[in-house]
């Protein structure tokens, strides 16, 4: 996982969420844009969640949930391994409604190996 870039890890998450039908229940009735900012690499990413699935998009305002941190920590968060995810959560700043935070947390945990 350490050699994978955040960009490819975000693609992996979108594919996994889309391929697991049981995750549709979590996303039911949820429309949200998740902004991801790698502060040390000056990079911004955006994931759009909807009942139909998740897509990578260009940065779009408004952002409903903002995750910011070092690129390495963000990569660990989206890397698909639960122990790395739990550690990265301590280093990444998350701002936004608790409902959106809980939905994202559930989706990321359920895509972990």
PDB file of N, CA and C in Angstrom:
ATOM      1  N   UNK A   1       0.807  -1.190   0.000  1.00  0.00           N
ATOM      2  CA  UNK A   1       0.000   0.000   0.000  1.00  0.00           C
ATOM      3  C   UNK A   1       0.851   1.255   0.000  1.00  0.00           C
ATOM      4  N   UNK A   2       2.013   1.217   0.618  1.00  0.00           N
ATOM      5  CA  UNK A   2       2.837   2.413   0.768  1.00  0.00           C
ATOM      6  C   UNK A   2       3.234   3.015  -0.576  1.00  0.00           C
ATOM      7  N   UNK A   3       3.371   2.180  -1.615  1.00  0.00           N
ATOM      8  CA  UNK A   3       3.798   2.690  -2.909  1.00  0.00           C
ATOM      9  C   UNK A   3       2.640   3.183  -3.778  1.00  0.00           C
ATOM     10  N   UNK A   4       1.416   2.956  -3.353  1.00  0.00           N
ATOM     11  CA  UNK A   4       0.271   3.395  -4.137  1.00  0.00           C
ATOM     12  C   UNK A   4      -0.019   4.859  -3.848  1.00  0.00           C
ATOM     13  N   UNK A   5      -0.355   5.586  -4.889  1.00  0.00           N
ATOM     14  CA  UNK A   5      -0.658   7.010  -4.698  1.00  0.00           C
ATOM     15  C   UNK A   5      -2.127   7.174  -4.301  1.00  0.00           C
ATOM     16  N   UNK A   6      -2.405   8.282  -3.681  1.00  0.00           N
ATOM     17  CA  UNK A   6      -3.759   8.574  -3.221  1.00  0.00           C
ATOM     18  C   UNK A   6      -4.753   8.527  -4.376  1.00  0.00           C
ATOM     19  N   UNK A   7      -4.354   9.007  -5.525  1.00  0.00           N
ATOM     20  CA  UNK A   7      -5.226   9.015  -6.694  1.00  0.00           C
ATOM     21  C   UNK A   7      -5.729   7.607  -7.022  1.00  0.00           C
ATOM     22  N   UNK A   8      -4.835   6.637  -7.080  1.00  0.00           N
ATOM     23  CA  UNK A   8      -5.243   5.268  -7.408  1.00  0.00           C
ATOM     24  C   UNK A   8      -6.043   4.633  -6.274  1.00  0.00           C
ATOM     25  N   UNK A   9      -5.758   5.015  -5.035  1.00  0.00           N
ATOM     26  CA  UNK A   9      -6.521   4.478  -3.908  1.00  0.00           C
ATOM     27  C   UNK A   9      -7.958   4.997  -3.917  1.00  0.00           C
ATOM     28  N   UNK A  10      -8.146   6.240  -4.301  1.00  0.00           N
ATOM     29  CA  UNK A  10      -9.504   6.780  -4.413  1.00  0.00           C
ATOM     30  C   UNK A  10     -10.272   6.072  -5.529  1.00  0.00           C
ATOM     31  N   UNK A  11      -9.585   5.747  -6.613  1.00  0.00           N
ATOM     32  CA  UNK A  11     -10.222   4.974  -7.689  1.00  0.00           C
ATOM     33  C   UNK A  11     -10.635   3.601  -7.184  1.00  0.00           C
ATOM     34  N   UNK A  12      -9.788   2.974  -6.379  1.00  0.00           N
ATOM     35  CA  UNK A  12     -10.103   1.661  -5.810  1.00  0.00           C
ATOM     36  C   UNK A  12     -11.358   1.737  -4.951  1.00  0.00           C
ATOM     37  N   UNK A  13     -11.454   2.770  -4.124  1.00  0.00           N
ATOM     38  CA  UNK A  13     -12.619   2.924  -3.253  1.00  0.00           C
ATOM     39  C   UNK A  13     -13.891   3.090  -4.081  1.00  0.00           C
ATOM     40  N   UNK A  14     -13.839   3.906  -5.122  1.00  0.00           N
ATOM     41  CA  UNK A  14     -15.042   4.099  -5.940  1.00  0.00           C
ATOM     42  C   UNK A  14     -15.466   2.791  -6.603  1.00  0.00           C
ATOM     43  N   UNK A  15     -14.508   1.999  -7.055  1.00  0.00           N
ATOM     44  CA  UNK A  15     -14.826   0.709  -7.665  1.00  0.00           C
ATOM     45  C   UNK A  15     -15.414  -0.248  -6.645  1.00  0.00           C
ATOM     46  N   UNK A  16     -14.816  -0.314  -5.458  1.00  0.00           N
ATOM     47  CA  UNK A  16     -15.300  -1.246  -4.446  1.00  0.00           C
ATOM     48  C   UNK A  16     -16.687  -0.879  -3.943  1.00  0.00           C
ATOM     49  N   UNK A  17     -16.912   0.391  -3.703  1.00  0.00           N
ATOM     50  CA  UNK A  17     -18.241   0.806  -3.247  1.00  0.00           C
ATOM     51  C   UNK A  17     -19.278   0.481  -4.323  1.00  0.00           C
ATOM     52  N   UNK A  18     -18.936   0.707  -5.571  1.00  0.00           N
ATOM     53  CA  UNK A  18     -19.858   0.416  -6.664  1.00  0.00           C
ATOM     54  C   UNK A  18     -20.130  -1.062  -6.864  1.00  0.00           C
ATOM     55  N   UNK A  19     -19.182  -1.912  -6.505  1.00  0.00           N
ATOM     56  CA  UNK A  19     -19.334  -3.345  -6.752  1.00  0.00           C
ATOM     57  C   UNK A  19     -19.986  -4.102  -5.596  1.00  0.00           C
ATOM     58  N   UNK A  20     -20.186  -3.463  -4.470  1.00  0.00           N
ATOM     59  CA  UNK A  20     -20.771  -4.145  -3.307  1.00  0.00           C
ATOM     60  C   UNK A  20     -22.204  -3.665  -3.110  1.00  0.00           C
ATOM     61  N   UNK A  21     -23.141  -4.505  -3.524  1.00  0.00           N
ATOM     62  CA  UNK A  21     -24.552  -4.104  -3.511  1.00  0.00           C
ATOM     63  C   UNK A  21     -25.068  -3.812  -2.107  1.00  0.00           C
ATOM     64  N   UNK A  22     -24.527  -4.462  -1.091  1.00  0.00           N
ATOM     65  CA  UNK A  22     -25.014  -4.229   0.269  1.00  0.00           C
ATOM     66  C   UNK A  22     -24.664  -2.833   0.782  1.00  0.00           C
ATOM     67  N   UNK A  23     -23.755  -2.132   0.126  1.00  0.00           N
ATOM     68  CA  UNK A  23     -23.431  -0.763   0.534  1.00  0.00           C
ATOM     69  C   UNK A  23     -24.472   0.243   0.047  1.00  0.00           C
ATOM     70  N   UNK A  24     -25.308  -0.163  -0.897  1.00  0.00           N
ATOM     71  CA  UNK A  24     -26.353   0.736  -1.405  1.00  0.00           C
ATOM     72  C   UNK A  24     -27.289   1.179  -0.281  1.00  0.00           C
ATOM     73  N   UNK A  25     -27.536   0.308   0.689  1.00  0.00           N
ATOM     74  CA  UNK A  25     -28.407   0.661   1.810  1.00  0.00           C
ATOM     75  C   UNK A  25     -27.853   1.805   2.638  1.00  0.00           C
ATOM     76  N   UNK A  26     -26.543   1.844   2.794  1.00  0.00           N
ATOM     77  CA  UNK A  26     -25.907   2.927   3.552  1.00  0.00           C
ATOM     78  C   UNK A  26     -26.042   4.241   2.794  1.00  0.00           C
ATOM     79  N   UNK A  27     -25.962   4.169   1.474  1.00  0.00           N
ATOM     80  CA  UNK A  27     -25.985   5.388   0.663  1.00  0.00           C
ATOM     81  C   UNK A  27     -27.396   5.846   0.316  1.00  0.00           C
ATOM     82  N   UNK A  28     -28.400   5.046   0.671  1.00  0.00           N
ATOM     83  CA  UNK A  28     -29.784   5.401   0.351  1.00  0.00           C
ATOM     84  C   UNK A  28     -30.136   6.762   0.962  1.00  0.00           C
ATOM     85  N   UNK A  29     -30.611   7.649   0.123  1.00  0.00           N
ATOM     86  CA  UNK A  29     -31.016   8.975   0.581  1.00  0.00           C
ATOM     87  C   UNK A  29     -29.869   9.921   0.900  1.00  0.00           C
ATOM     88  N   UNK A  30     -28.648   9.548   0.531  1.00  0.00           N
ATOM     89  CA  UNK A  30     -27.485  10.375   0.860  1.00  0.00           C
ATOM     90  C   UNK A  30     -26.893  10.967  -0.404  1.00  0.00           C
ATOM     91  N   UNK A  31     -26.859  12.253  -0.456  1.00  0.00           N
ATOM     92  CA  UNK A  31     -26.184  12.984  -1.529  1.00  0.00           C
ATOM     93  C   UNK A  31     -25.102  13.811  -0.860  1.00  0.00           C
ATOM     94  N   UNK A  32     -23.876  13.584  -1.206  1.00  0.00           N
ATOM     95  CA  UNK A  32     -22.820  14.357  -0.571  1.00  0.00           C
ATOM     96  C   UNK A  32     -21.550  14.406  -1.389  1.00  0.00           C
ATOM     97  N   UNK A  33     -20.857  15.528  -1.278  1.00  0.00           N
ATOM     98  CA  UNK A  33     -19.544  15.676  -1.906  1.00  0.00           C
ATOM     99  C   UNK A  33     -18.511  15.707  -0.797  1.00  0.00           C
ATOM    100  N   UNK A  34     -17.542  14.822  -0.939  1.00  0.00           N
ATOM    101  CA  UNK A  34     -16.470  14.710   0.034  1.00  0.00           C
ATOM    102  C   UNK A  34     -15.227  15.337  -0.583  1.00  0.00           C
ATOM    103  N   UNK A  35     -14.724  16.375   0.046  1.00  0.00           N
ATOM    104  CA  UNK A  35     -13.495  17.011  -0.398  1.00  0.00           C
ATOM    105  C   UNK A  35     -12.316  16.442   0.364  1.00  0.00           C
ATOM    106  N   UNK A  36     -11.259  16.132  -0.352  1.00  0.00           N
ATOM    107  CA  UNK A  36     -10.058  15.547   0.243  1.00  0.00           C
ATOM    108  C   UNK A  36      -8.890  16.441  -0.137  1.00  0.00           C
ATOM    109  N   UNK A  37      -8.211  16.977   0.867  1.00  0.00           N
ATOM    110  CA  UNK A  37      -7.114  17.911   0.633  1.00  0.00           C
ATOM    111  C   UNK A  37      -5.833  17.350   1.232  1.00  0.00           C
ATOM    112  N   UNK A  38      -4.841  17.096   0.374  1.00  0.00           N
ATOM    113  CA  UNK A  38      -3.506  16.690   0.828  1.00  0.00           C
ATOM    114  C   UNK A  38      -2.706  17.978   1.013  1.00  0.00           C
ATOM    115  N   UNK A  39      -2.587  18.418   2.260  1.00  0.00           N
ATOM    116  CA  UNK A  39      -2.011  19.738   2.526  1.00  0.00           C
ATOM    117  C   UNK A  39      -0.525  19.816   2.183  1.00  0.00           C
ATOM    118  N   UNK A  40       0.193  18.718   2.319  1.00  0.00           N
ATOM    119  CA  UNK A  40       1.630  18.742   2.038  1.00  0.00           C
ATOM    120  C   UNK A  40       1.944  18.603   0.551  1.00  0.00           C
ATOM    121  N   UNK A  41       0.981  18.155  -0.238  1.00  0.00           N
ATOM    122  CA  UNK A  41       1.203  17.964  -1.674  1.00  0.00           C
ATOM    123  C   UNK A  41       0.421  18.976  -2.506  1.00  0.00           C
ATOM    124  N   UNK A  42      -0.342  19.832  -1.845  1.00  0.00           N
ATOM    125  CA  UNK A  42      -1.153  20.847  -2.525  1.00  0.00           C
ATOM    126  C   UNK A  42      -2.045  20.210  -3.594  1.00  0.00           C
ATOM    127  N   UNK A  43      -2.737  19.116  -3.203  1.00  0.00           N
ATOM    128  CA  UNK A  43      -3.645  18.410  -4.108  1.00  0.00           C
ATOM    129  C   UNK A  43      -5.031  18.370  -3.489  1.00  0.00           C
ATOM    130  N   UNK A  44      -6.045  18.451  -4.357  1.00  0.00           N
ATOM    131  CA  UNK A  44      -7.432  18.366  -3.912  1.00  0.00           C
ATOM    132  C   UNK A  44      -8.168  17.327  -4.758  1.00  0.00           C
ATOM    133  N   UNK A  45      -8.998  16.557  -4.087  1.00  0.00           N
ATOM    134  CA  UNK A  45      -9.796  15.529  -4.741  1.00  0.00           C
ATOM    135  C   UNK A  45     -11.239  15.687  -4.284  1.00  0.00           C
ATOM    136  N   UNK A  46     -12.155  15.133  -5.058  1.00  0.00           N
ATOM    137  CA  UNK A  46     -13.561  15.209  -4.691  1.00  0.00           C
ATOM    138  C   UNK A  46     -14.241  13.886  -5.040  1.00  0.00           C
ATOM    139  N   UNK A  47     -14.981  13.347  -4.086  1.00  0.00           N
ATOM    140  CA  UNK A  47     -15.802  12.164  -4.309  1.00  0.00           C
ATOM    141  C   UNK A  47     -17.257  12.584  -4.153  1.00  0.00           C
ATOM    142  N   UNK A  48     -18.092  12.174  -5.083  1.00  0.00           N
ATOM    143  CA  UNK A  48     -19.524  12.479  -5.006  1.00  0.00           C
ATOM    144  C   UNK A  48     -20.278  11.195  -4.708  1.00  0.00           C
ATOM    145  N   UNK A  49     -20.941  11.180  -3.560  1.00  0.00           N
ATOM    146  CA  UNK A  49     -21.727  10.025  -3.146  1.00  0.00           C
ATOM    147  C   UNK A  49     -23.201  10.306  -3.414  1.00  0.00           C
ATOM    148  N   UNK A  50     -23.890   9.297  -3.926  1.00  0.00           N
ATOM    149  CA  UNK A  50     -25.325   9.393  -4.175  1.00  0.00           C
ATOM    150  C   UNK A  50     -25.910   7.991  -4.005  1.00  0.00           C
ATOM    151  N   UNK A  51     -27.231   7.874  -3.986  1.00  0.00           N
ATOM    152  CA  UNK A  51     -27.826   6.538  -3.870  1.00  0.00           C
ATOM    153  C   UNK A  51     -27.411   5.601  -5.011  1.00  0.00           C
ATOM    154  N   UNK A  52     -27.024   6.165  -6.151  1.00  0.00           N
ATOM    155  CA  UNK A  52     -26.607   5.345  -7.293  1.00  0.00           C
ATOM    156  C   UNK A  52     -25.176   4.846  -7.171  1.00  0.00           C
ATOM    157  N   UNK A  53     -24.362   5.480  -6.356  1.00  0.00           N
ATOM    158  CA  UNK A  53     -22.971   5.061  -6.215  1.00  0.00           C
ATOM    159  C   UNK A  53     -22.064   6.225  -5.882  1.00  0.00           C
ATOM    160  N   UNK A  54     -20.797   6.029  -6.163  1.00  0.00           N
ATOM    161  CA  UNK A  54     -19.802   7.060  -5.876  1.00  0.00           C
ATOM    162  C   UNK A  54     -18.986   7.318  -7.137  1.00  0.00           C
ATOM    163  N   UNK A  55     -18.673   8.591  -7.374  1.00  0.00           N
ATOM    164  CA  UNK A  55     -17.882   8.982  -8.543  1.00  0.00           C
ATOM    165  C   UNK A  55     -16.802   9.957  -8.122  1.00  0.00           C
ATOM    166  N   UNK A  56     -15.685   9.897  -8.821  1.00  0.00           N
ATOM    167  CA  UNK A  56     -14.665  10.940  -8.679  1.00  0.00           C
ATOM    168  C   UNK A  56     -15.075  12.089  -9.567  1.00  0.00           C
ATOM    169  N   UNK A  57     -14.978  13.292  -9.064  1.00  0.00           N
ATOM    170  CA  UNK A  57     -15.332  14.467  -9.854  1.00  0.00           C
ATOM    171  C   UNK A  57     -14.282  15.539  -9.645  1.00  0.00           C
ATOM    172  N   UNK A  58     -14.381  16.574 -10.461  1.00  0.00           N
ATOM    173  CA  UNK A  58     -13.566  17.765 -10.228  1.00  0.00           C
ATOM    174  C   UNK A  58     -14.050  18.394  -8.929  1.00  0.00           C
ATOM    175  N   UNK A  59     -13.205  19.187  -8.313  1.00  0.00           N
ATOM    176  CA  UNK A  59     -13.571  19.867  -7.068  1.00  0.00           C
ATOM    177  C   UNK A  59     -14.819  20.711  -7.325  1.00  0.00           C
ATOM    178  N   UNK A  60     -15.839  20.481  -6.508  1.00  0.00           N
ATOM    179  CA  UNK A  60     -17.093  21.214  -6.664  1.00  0.00           C
ATOM    180  C   UNK A  60     -17.536  21.745  -5.313  1.00  0.00           C
ATOM    181  N   UNK A  61     -17.921  22.997  -5.295  1.00  0.00           N
ATOM    182  CA  UNK A  61     -18.493  23.587  -4.087  1.00  0.00           C
ATOM    183  C   UNK A  61     -20.010  23.434  -4.160  1.00  0.00           C
ATOM    184  N   UNK A  62     -20.719  23.284  -3.101  1.00  0.00           N
ATOM    185  CA  UNK A  62     -20.181  23.178  -1.751  1.00  0.00           C
ATOM    186  C   UNK A  62     -19.694  21.763  -1.459  1.00  0.00           C
ATOM    187  N   UNK A  63     -18.713  21.692  -0.600  1.00  0.00           N
ATOM    188  CA  UNK A  63     -18.220  20.414  -0.092  1.00  0.00           C
ATOM    189  C   UNK A  63     -18.992  20.138   1.197  1.00  0.00           C
ATOM    190  N   UNK A  64     -19.558  18.954   1.307  1.00  0.00           N
ATOM    191  CA  UNK A  64     -20.351  18.627   2.489  1.00  0.00           C
ATOM    192  C   UNK A  64     -19.493  18.094   3.629  1.00  0.00           C
ATOM    193  N   UNK A  65     -18.406  17.430   3.278  1.00  0.00           N
ATOM    194  CA  UNK A  65     -17.503  16.861   4.276  1.00  0.00           C
ATOM    195  C   UNK A  65     -16.083  17.084   3.771  1.00  0.00           C
ATOM    196  N   UNK A  66     -15.233  17.631   4.610  1.00  0.00           N
ATOM    197  CA  UNK A  66     -13.862  17.950   4.210  1.00  0.00           C
ATOM    198  C   UNK A  66     -12.881  17.130   5.030  1.00  0.00           C
ATOM    199  N   UNK A  67     -12.017  16.394   4.332  1.00  0.00           N
ATOM    200  CA  UNK A  67     -10.937  15.651   4.966  1.00  0.00           C
ATOM    201  C   UNK A  67      -9.635  16.316   4.562  1.00  0.00           C
ATOM    202  N   UNK A  68      -8.806  16.646   5.532  1.00  0.00           N
ATOM    203  CA  UNK A  68      -7.516  17.255   5.200  1.00  0.00           C
ATOM    204  C   UNK A  68      -6.429  16.648   6.067  1.00  0.00           C
ATOM    205  N   UNK A  69      -5.266  16.507   5.466  1.00  0.00           N
ATOM    206  CA  UNK A  69      -4.130  15.939   6.169  1.00  0.00           C
ATOM    207  C   UNK A  69      -2.981  15.709   5.211  1.00  0.00           C
ATOM    208  N   UNK A  70      -1.943  15.078   5.733  1.00  0.00           N
ATOM    209  CA  UNK A  70      -0.804  14.747   4.880  1.00  0.00           C
ATOM    210  C   UNK A  70      -1.224  13.672   3.880  1.00  0.00           C
ATOM    211  N   UNK A  71      -0.631  13.728   2.704  1.00  0.00           N
ATOM    212  CA  UNK A  71      -0.989  12.771   1.654  1.00  0.00           C
ATOM    213  C   UNK A  71      -0.791  11.331   2.127  1.00  0.00           C
ATOM    214  N   UNK A  72       0.248  11.096   2.872  1.00  0.00           N
ATOM    215  CA  UNK A  72       0.533   9.746   3.382  1.00  0.00           C
ATOM    216  C   UNK A  72      -0.602   9.253   4.283  1.00  0.00           C
ATOM    217  N   UNK A  73      -1.096  10.121   5.165  1.00  0.00           N
ATOM    218  CA  UNK A  73      -2.179   9.730   6.068  1.00  0.00           C
ATOM    219  C   UNK A  73      -3.487   9.513   5.311  1.00  0.00           C
ATOM    220  N   UNK A  74      -3.752  10.359   4.331  1.00  0.00           N
ATOM    221  CA  UNK A  74      -4.953  10.181   3.519  1.00  0.00           C
ATOM    222  C   UNK A  74      -4.882   8.878   2.728  1.00  0.00           C
ATOM    223  N   UNK A  75      -3.708   8.545   2.214  1.00  0.00           N
ATOM    224  CA  UNK A  75      -3.536   7.281   1.490  1.00  0.00           C
ATOM    225  C   UNK A  75      -3.783   6.098   2.421  1.00  0.00           C
ATOM    226  N   UNK A  76      -3.327   6.199   3.648  1.00  0.00           N
ATOM    227  CA  UNK A  76      -3.587   5.130   4.618  1.00  0.00           C
ATOM    228  C   UNK A  76      -5.078   5.025   4.915  1.00  0.00           C
ATOM    229  N   UNK A  77      -5.752   6.152   4.945  1.00  0.00           N
ATOM    230  CA  UNK A  77      -7.183   6.157   5.233  1.00  0.00           C
ATOM    231  C   UNK A  77      -7.984   5.463   4.131  1.00  0.00           C
ATOM    232  N   UNK A  78      -7.573   5.651   2.884  1.00  0.00           N
ATOM    233  CA  UNK A  78      -8.290   5.071   1.751  1.00  0.00           C
ATOM    234  C   UNK A  78      -7.623   3.803   1.225  1.00  0.00           C
ATOM    235  N   UNK A  79      -6.628   3.295   1.927  1.00  0.00           N
ATOM    236  CA  UNK A  79      -5.845   2.169   1.449  1.00  0.00           C
ATOM    237  C   UNK A  79      -6.494   0.808   1.531  1.00  0.00           C
ATOM    238  N   UNK A  80      -7.566   0.678   2.294  1.00  0.00           N
ATOM    239  CA  UNK A  80      -8.272  -0.594   2.334  1.00  0.00           C
ATOM    240  C   UNK A  80      -7.827  -1.559   3.411  1.00  0.00           C
ATOM    241  N   UNK A  81      -6.984  -1.107   4.328  1.00  0.00           N
ATOM    242  CA  UNK A  81      -6.567  -1.972   5.434  1.00  0.00           C
ATOM    243  C   UNK A  81      -7.010  -1.325   6.738  1.00  0.00           C
ATOM    244  N   UNK A  82      -7.789  -2.078   7.515  1.00  0.00           N
ATOM    245  CA  UNK A  82      -8.447  -1.497   8.682  1.00  0.00           C
ATOM    246  C   UNK A  82      -7.486  -0.926   9.710  1.00  0.00           C
ATOM    247  N   UNK A  83      -6.390  -1.589   9.983  1.00  0.00           N
ATOM    248  CA  UNK A  83      -5.457  -1.077  10.995  1.00  0.00           C
ATOM    249  C   UNK A  83      -4.836   0.250  10.555  1.00  0.00           C
ATOM    250  N   UNK A  84      -4.480   0.354   9.283  1.00  0.00           N
ATOM    251  CA  UNK A  84      -3.961   1.622   8.763  1.00  0.00           C
ATOM    252  C   UNK A  84      -5.043   2.700   8.811  1.00  0.00           C
ATOM    253  N   UNK A  85      -6.264   2.297   8.468  1.00  0.00           N
ATOM    254  CA  UNK A  85      -7.387   3.237   8.475  1.00  0.00           C
ATOM    255  C   UNK A  85      -7.598   3.826   9.869  1.00  0.00           C
ATOM    256  N   UNK A  86      -7.616   2.969  10.866  1.00  0.00           N
ATOM    257  CA  UNK A  86      -7.840   3.443  12.235  1.00  0.00           C
ATOM    258  C   UNK A  86      -6.738   4.391  12.691  1.00  0.00           C
ATOM    259  N   UNK A  87      -5.501   4.101  12.332  1.00  0.00           N
ATOM    260  CA  UNK A  87      -4.396   4.993  12.675  1.00  0.00           C
ATOM    261  C   UNK A  87      -4.473   6.319  11.941  1.00  0.00           C
ATOM    262  N   UNK A  88      -4.841   6.257  10.672  1.00  0.00           N
ATOM    263  CA  UNK A  88      -4.917   7.481   9.864  1.00  0.00           C
ATOM    264  C   UNK A  88      -6.030   8.396  10.341  1.00  0.00           C
ATOM    265  N   UNK A  89      -7.111   7.830  10.855  1.00  0.00           N
ATOM    266  CA  UNK A  89      -8.222   8.657  11.343  1.00  0.00           C
ATOM    267  C   UNK A  89      -7.770   9.616  12.439  1.00  0.00           C
ATOM    268  N   UNK A  90      -6.738   9.228  13.177  1.00  0.00           N
ATOM    269  CA  UNK A  90      -6.229  10.081  14.249  1.00  0.00           C
ATOM    270  C   UNK A  90      -5.465  11.282  13.702  1.00  0.00           C
ATOM    271  N   UNK A  91      -4.937  11.171  12.488  1.00  0.00           N
ATOM    272  CA  UNK A  91      -4.095  12.221  11.906  1.00  0.00           C
ATOM    273  C   UNK A  91      -4.813  13.103  10.890  1.00  0.00           C
ATOM    274  N   UNK A  92      -5.952  12.670  10.422  1.00  0.00           N
ATOM    275  CA  UNK A  92      -6.688  13.402   9.388  1.00  0.00           C
ATOM    276  C   UNK A  92      -7.775  14.250  10.044  1.00  0.00           C
ATOM    277  N   UNK A  93      -7.876  15.501   9.630  1.00  0.00           N
ATOM    278  CA  UNK A  93      -8.914  16.394  10.139  1.00  0.00           C
ATOM    279  C   UNK A  93     -10.172  16.215   9.299  1.00  0.00           C
ATOM    280  N   UNK A  94     -11.293  16.007   9.979  1.00  0.00           N
ATOM    281  CA  UNK A  94     -12.574  15.811   9.302  1.00  0.00           C
ATOM    282  C   UNK A  94     -13.534  16.893   9.779  1.00  0.00           C
ATOM    283  N   UNK A  95     -14.093  17.638   8.825  1.00  0.00           N
ATOM    284  CA  UNK A  95     -15.045  18.700   9.156  1.00  0.00           C
ATOM    285  C   UNK A  95     -16.311  18.502   8.344  1.00  0.00           C
ATOM    286  N   UNK A  96     -17.427  18.533   9.032  1.00  0.00           N
ATOM    287  CA  UNK A  96     -18.710  18.395   8.357  1.00  0.00           C
ATOM    288  C   UNK A  96     -19.718  17.741   9.268  1.00  0.00           C
ATOM    289  N   UNK A  97     -20.938  17.587   8.787  1.00  0.00           N
ATOM    290  CA  UNK A  97     -22.006  17.005   9.598  1.00  0.00           C
ATOM    291  C   UNK A  97     -21.670  15.586  10.056  1.00  0.00           C
ATOM    292  N   UNK A  98     -22.056  15.274  11.284  1.00  0.00           N
ATOM    293  CA  UNK A  98     -21.750  13.960  11.852  1.00  0.00           C
ATOM    294  C   UNK A  98     -22.385  12.847  11.016  1.00  0.00           C
ATOM    295  N   UNK A  99     -23.546  13.090  10.442  1.00  0.00           N
ATOM    296  CA  UNK A  99     -24.202  12.081   9.601  1.00  0.00           C
ATOM    297  C   UNK A  99     -23.303  11.704   8.432  1.00  0.00           C
ATOM    298  N   UNK A 100     -22.723  12.695   7.771  1.00  0.00           N
ATOM    299  CA  UNK A 100     -21.830  12.426   6.645  1.00  0.00           C
ATOM    300  C   UNK A 100     -20.561  11.721   7.109  1.00  0.00           C
ATOM    301  N   UNK A 101     -20.044  12.117   8.265  1.00  0.00           N
ATOM    302  CA  UNK A 101     -18.852  11.468   8.810  1.00  0.00           C
ATOM    303  C   UNK A 101     -19.123   9.993   9.079  1.00  0.00           C
ATOM    304  N   UNK A 102     -20.274   9.688   9.668  1.00  0.00           N
ATOM    305  CA  UNK A 102     -20.613   8.302   9.987  1.00  0.00           C
ATOM    306  C   UNK A 102     -20.825   7.469   8.730  1.00  0.00           C
ATOM    307  N   UNK A 103     -21.464   8.046   7.730  1.00  0.00           N
ATOM    308  CA  UNK A 103     -21.676   7.311   6.475  1.00  0.00           C
ATOM    309  C   UNK A 103     -20.343   6.998   5.799  1.00  0.00           C
ATOM    310  N   UNK A 104     -19.461   7.994   5.721  1.00  0.00           N
ATOM    311  CA  UNK A 104     -18.159   7.759   5.099  1.00  0.00           C
ATOM    312  C   UNK A 104     -17.367   6.730   5.899  1.00  0.00           C
ATOM    313  N   UNK A 105     -17.398   6.842   7.216  1.00  0.00           N
ATOM    314  CA  UNK A 105     -16.694   5.884   8.069  1.00  0.00           C
ATOM    315  C   UNK A 105     -17.198   4.465   7.812  1.00  0.00           C
ATOM    316  N   UNK A 106     -18.503   4.288   7.758  1.00  0.00           N
ATOM    317  CA  UNK A 106     -19.068   2.959   7.510  1.00  0.00           C
ATOM    318  C   UNK A 106     -18.646   2.425   6.145  1.00  0.00           C
ATOM    319  N   UNK A 107     -18.710   3.259   5.124  1.00  0.00           N
ATOM    320  CA  UNK A 107     -18.332   2.813   3.777  1.00  0.00           C
ATOM    321  C   UNK A 107     -16.859   2.426   3.708  1.00  0.00           C
ATOM    322  N   UNK A 108     -15.999   3.235   4.306  1.00  0.00           N
ATOM    323  CA  UNK A 108     -14.564   2.925   4.259  1.00  0.00           C
ATOM    324  C   UNK A 108     -14.244   1.671   5.064  1.00  0.00           C
ATOM    325  N   UNK A 109     -14.870   1.505   6.212  1.00  0.00           N
ATOM    326  CA  UNK A 109     -14.632   0.295   7.008  1.00  0.00           C
ATOM    327  C   UNK A 109     -15.103  -0.955   6.272  1.00  0.00           C
ATOM    328  N   UNK A 110     -16.236  -0.856   5.594  1.00  0.00           N
ATOM    329  CA  UNK A 110     -16.778  -2.021   4.893  1.00  0.00           C
ATOM    330  C   UNK A 110     -16.044  -2.341   3.597  1.00  0.00           C
ATOM    331  N   UNK A 111     -15.182  -1.444   3.142  1.00  0.00           N
ATOM    332  CA  UNK A 111     -14.351  -1.756   1.975  1.00  0.00           C
ATOM    333  C   UNK A 111     -12.949  -2.184   2.391  1.00  0.00           C
ATOM    334  N   UNK A 112     -12.695  -2.201   3.699  1.00  0.00           N
ATOM    335  CA  UNK A 112     -11.388  -2.656   4.196  1.00  0.00           C
ATOM    336  C   UNK A 112     -11.296  -4.172   4.108  1.00  0.00           C
ATOM    337  N   UNK A 113     -10.065  -4.653   3.978  1.00  0.00           N
ATOM    338  CA  UNK A 113      -9.856  -6.106   3.948  1.00  0.00           C
ATOM    339  C   UNK A 113      -9.567  -6.609   5.341  1.00  0.00           C
TER     340      UNK A 113
END
